[in-house]
């Protein structure tokens, strides 16, 4: 269903059971797969693919031009996987030619209100970004990472799987897998034990990781 107040570009490919609510704008070579819902006032631009069964909340902006002064309007891409929840006012920018040309997001992610994913980021699956979490350009996030609210990651940093980034943390360098990072300039505070337990790591596995740390 496409609401009569929404504007959908003739170049867009929309599966039959996609729901596009009131006042959405779909502009460019957009592909939206089955079961996805754009609740209202969502803007999707450029060469953007959104996978199955995503839910995108009002005033999210997906696939907009990168905030990079070298970008000159080249056709780059945004690819979003399946079963992602993208909340209000989230911004996800498309890639740049010098950064690989693609911003890519995996499956089963929960991206809370006002979060930002910049150009050329690579975000894995099962990632949680609390409100106002910000990824600068070219950041790589592995699977099962949790970001607290109002944290910010410097461009080109990598965040290892199952890491926990505390709220209000500034991340200026890579964070290893399985760690807790916190602070105005992020420091490591040991193993993310609670996160590992919640993801069914055994006591033996956690003990080995503690020993390695």
Foldseek 3Di string as FASTA:
>chain_A
DADPQEAADPLEAEDPQEAEAHAEYEEENEYEEHQEYEHYQEYEYAAEYAEHNEYAEHAEYHAAAFPDVVADPDRAYEYEYYHEYHYHNEYEYFAGPVLVRYAYAEYAEYEYHLEYHGHNEAHYHCEYEYAHEYEYANEYEYPQEYEAHCEYEDHNEYEEHLEYEYHCDYEDHYHYPQFYWYDVHTDTDAGPVVSCVVVPDDPVRVVVVRVVD
